[in-house]
Amino acid sequence: MLGDVFERFVEKSPISVMVRGTLERVLGPDPLDVWYARTAKKQYTRERLFSTVYDLMSQVVFRLQPSVHAAYRAQEAQVGTSVVSVSNKLKEIEPHTSAALVR
């Protein structure tokens, strides 16, 4: 179904393929945004989705980018809002939301 290249990954590293598939399903944009809508108490979503901010932060956490600003610059067209807007969203994330995400 997914081709020879995928089959080679499954053969050589099946655990990493399963983990990635699970993470993409659980932490994909749609599930994250639904989860955020249920979890956030004061904050809301207008233009920038929580999944977008999560994606930028995860690039820093996994050391793909040195900062949120660098991650933003690398994906500016996909983000669709200003860096100030992203920064404000990060500043306003409620502590219980972060705790729930980790949990």
C-alpha atoms as a PDB file:
ATOM      1  CA  MET A   1       0.000   0.000   0.000  1.00  0.00           C
ATOM      2  CA  LEU A   2       2.720   2.518   0.939  1.00  0.00           C
ATOM      3  CA  GLY A   3       5.473   1.225  -1.291  1.00  0.00           C
ATOM      4  CA  ASP A   4       8.882  -0.339  -1.097  1.00  0.00           C
ATOM      5  CA  VAL A   5      10.562   2.531   0.741  1.00  0.00           C
ATOM      6  CA  PHE A   6       8.062   2.321   3.596  1.00  0.00           C
ATOM      7  CA  GLU A   7       8.479  -1.450   3.753  1.00  0.00           C
ATOM      8  CA  ARG A   8      12.234  -1.025   4.225  1.00  0.00           C
ATOM      9  CA  PHE A   9      11.608   1.252   7.211  1.00  0.00           C
ATOM     10  CA  VAL A  10       9.181  -1.271   8.692  1.00  0.00           C
ATOM     11  CA  GLU A  11      11.704  -4.076   8.254  1.00  0.00           C
ATOM     12  CA  LYS A  12      14.680  -2.158   9.670  1.00  0.00           C
ATOM     13  CA  SER A  13      12.972  -0.199  12.460  1.00  0.00           C
ATOM     14  CA  PRO A  14       9.389  -1.298  13.147  1.00  0.00           C
ATOM     15  CA  ILE A  15       9.195   0.322  16.591  1.00  0.00           C
ATOM     16  CA  SER A  16      10.106   3.776  15.290  1.00  0.00           C
ATOM     17  CA  VAL A  17       7.509   3.448  12.523  1.00  0.00           C
ATOM     18  CA  MET A  18       4.816   2.485  15.058  1.00  0.00           C
ATOM     19  CA  VAL A  19       5.782   5.288  17.449  1.00  0.00           C
ATOM     20  CA  ARG A  20       5.737   7.872  14.703  1.00  0.00           C
ATOM     21  CA  GLY A  21       2.360   6.693  13.441  1.00  0.00           C
ATOM     22  CA  THR A  22       0.936   6.838  16.950  1.00  0.00           C
ATOM     23  CA  LEU A  23       2.355  10.302  17.610  1.00  0.00           C
ATOM     24  CA  GLU A  24       1.036  11.631  14.306  1.00  0.00           C
ATOM     25  CA  ARG A  25      -2.413  10.287  15.112  1.00  0.00           C
ATOM     26  CA  VAL A  26      -2.500  11.619  18.673  1.00  0.00           C
ATOM     27  CA  LEU A  27      -0.562  14.852  18.158  1.00  0.00           C
ATOM     28  CA  GLY A  28      -1.701  15.680  14.631  1.00  0.00           C
ATOM     29  CA  PRO A  29      -3.212  19.110  13.948  1.00  0.00           C
ATOM     30  CA  ASP A  30      -6.886  18.099  14.121  1.00  0.00           C
ATOM     31  CA  PRO A  31      -6.702  16.097  17.378  1.00  0.00           C
ATOM     32  CA  LEU A  32      -4.576  18.828  18.993  1.00  0.00           C
ATOM     33  CA  ASP A  33      -7.009  21.584  18.045  1.00  0.00           C
ATOM     34  CA  VAL A  34     -10.008  19.584  19.292  1.00  0.00           C
ATOM     35  CA  TRP A  35      -8.165  18.811  22.537  1.00  0.00           C
ATOM     36  CA  TYR A  36      -7.243  22.489  22.961  1.00  0.00           C
ATOM     37  CA  ALA A  37     -10.827  23.632  22.443  1.00  0.00           C
ATOM     38  CA  ARG A  38     -11.916  21.274  25.243  1.00  0.00           C
ATOM     39  CA  THR A  39      -9.026  22.109  27.599  1.00  0.00           C
ATOM     40  CA  ALA A  40      -8.474  25.877  27.382  1.00  0.00           C
ATOM     41  CA  LYS A  41     -10.615  27.908  29.774  1.00  0.00           C
ATOM     42  CA  LYS A  42      -9.817  31.538  28.981  1.00  0.00           C
ATOM     43  CA  GLN A  43      -7.950  31.361  25.710  1.00  0.00           C
ATOM     44  CA  TYR A  44      -9.623  30.975  22.356  1.00  0.00           C
ATOM     45  CA  THR A  45      -8.683  30.366  18.739  1.00  0.00           C
ATOM     46  CA  ARG A  46      -9.177  32.908  15.984  1.00  0.00           C
ATOM     47  CA  GLU A  47      -6.550  32.925  13.274  1.00  0.00           C
ATOM     48  CA  ARG A  48      -3.697  30.884  14.692  1.00  0.00           C
ATOM     49  CA  LEU A  49      -4.516  27.386  15.749  1.00  0.00           C
ATOM     50  CA  PHE A  50      -2.969  25.758  18.789  1.00  0.00           C
ATOM     51  CA  SER A  51      -1.575  23.042  16.519  1.00  0.00           C
ATOM     52  CA  THR A  52       0.433  25.673  14.643  1.00  0.00           C
ATOM     53  CA  VAL A  53       1.979  27.019  17.839  1.00  0.00           C
ATOM     54  CA  TYR A  54       2.597  23.446  19.032  1.00  0.00           C
ATOM     55  CA  ASP A  55       4.387  22.652  15.770  1.00  0.00           C
ATOM     56  CA  LEU A  56       6.662  25.692  16.113  1.00  0.00           C
ATOM     57  CA  MET A  57       7.468  24.871  19.744  1.00  0.00           C
ATOM     58  CA  SER A  58       8.123  21.207  18.986  1.00  0.00           C
ATOM     59  CA  GLN A  59      10.724  22.229  16.413  1.00  0.00           C
ATOM     60  CA  VAL A  60      12.602  24.014  19.192  1.00  0.00           C
ATOM     61  CA  VAL A  61      12.125  21.200  21.715  1.00  0.00           C
ATOM     62  CA  PHE A  62      13.458  18.603  19.266  1.00  0.00           C
ATOM     63  CA  ARG A  63      16.322  20.954  18.299  1.00  0.00           C
ATOM     64  CA  LEU A  64      15.311  21.298  14.668  1.00  0.00           C
ATOM     65  CA  GLN A  65      15.285  25.082  15.117  1.00  0.00           C
ATOM     66  CA  PRO A  66      17.208  27.195  17.655  1.00  0.00           C
ATOM     67  CA  SER A  67      14.212  29.374  18.605  1.00  0.00           C
ATOM     68  CA  VAL A  68      10.504  29.876  18.037  1.00  0.00           C
ATOM     69  CA  HIS A  69      11.340  32.903  15.901  1.00  0.00           C
ATOM     70  CA  ALA A  70      13.612  30.791  13.670  1.00  0.00           C
ATOM     71  CA  ALA A  71      10.900  28.122  13.380  1.00  0.00           C
ATOM     72  CA  TYR A  72       8.394  30.848  12.494  1.00  0.00           C
ATOM     73  CA  ARG A  73      10.680  32.303   9.806  1.00  0.00           C
ATOM     74  CA  ALA A  74      11.158  28.851   8.279  1.00  0.00           C
ATOM     75  CA  GLN A  75       7.373  28.355   8.045  1.00  0.00           C
ATOM     76  CA  GLU A  76       6.089  31.917   7.802  1.00  0.00           C
ATOM     77  CA  ALA A  77       3.897  31.241   4.756  1.00  0.00           C
ATOM     78  CA  GLN A  78       2.208  28.243   6.400  1.00  0.00           C
ATOM     79  CA  VAL A  79       1.670  29.992   9.761  1.00  0.00           C
ATOM     80  CA  GLY A  80      -0.355  32.810   8.221  1.00  0.00           C
ATOM     81  CA  THR A  81      -0.099  35.253  11.157  1.00  0.00           C
ATOM     82  CA  SER A  82       2.561  37.575  12.498  1.00  0.00           C
ATOM     83  CA  VAL A  83       5.381  36.484  14.775  1.00  0.00           C
ATOM     84  CA  VAL A  84       3.954  38.838  17.421  1.00  0.00           C
ATOM     85  CA  SER A  85       0.656  36.970  17.226  1.00  0.00           C
ATOM     86  CA  VAL A  86       2.449  33.647  17.703  1.00  0.00           C
ATOM     87  CA  SER A  87       4.434  35.061  20.618  1.00  0.00           C
ATOM     88  CA  ASN A  88       1.260  36.373  22.264  1.00  0.00           C
ATOM     89  CA  LYS A  89      -0.400  32.974  21.884  1.00  0.00           C
ATOM     90  CA  LEU A  90       2.568  31.296  23.576  1.00  0.00           C
ATOM     91  CA  LYS A  91       2.562  33.815  26.434  1.00  0.00           C
ATOM     92  CA  GLU A  92      -1.143  33.295  27.072  1.00  0.00           C
ATOM     93  CA  ILE A  93      -1.184  29.489  27.221  1.00  0.00           C
ATOM     94  CA  GLU A  94      -2.706  28.637  30.568  1.00  0.00           C
ATOM     95  CA  PRO A  95      -0.625  26.508  32.975  1.00  0.00           C
ATOM     96  CA  HIS A  96      -3.328  23.857  33.250  1.00  0.00           C
ATOM     97  CA  THR A  97      -3.318  23.534  29.453  1.00  0.00           C
ATOM     98  CA  SER A  98       0.421  22.799  29.426  1.00  0.00           C
ATOM     99  CA  ALA A  99       0.028  20.331  32.289  1.00  0.00           C
ATOM    100  CA  ALA A 100      -2.823  18.559  30.473  1.00  0.00           C
ATOM    101  CA  LEU A 101      -0.753  18.293  27.293  1.00  0.00           C
ATOM    102  CA  VAL A 102       2.105  16.658  29.179  1.00  0.00           C
ATOM    103  CA  ARG A 103      -0.307  14.334  30.958  1.00  0.00           C
END
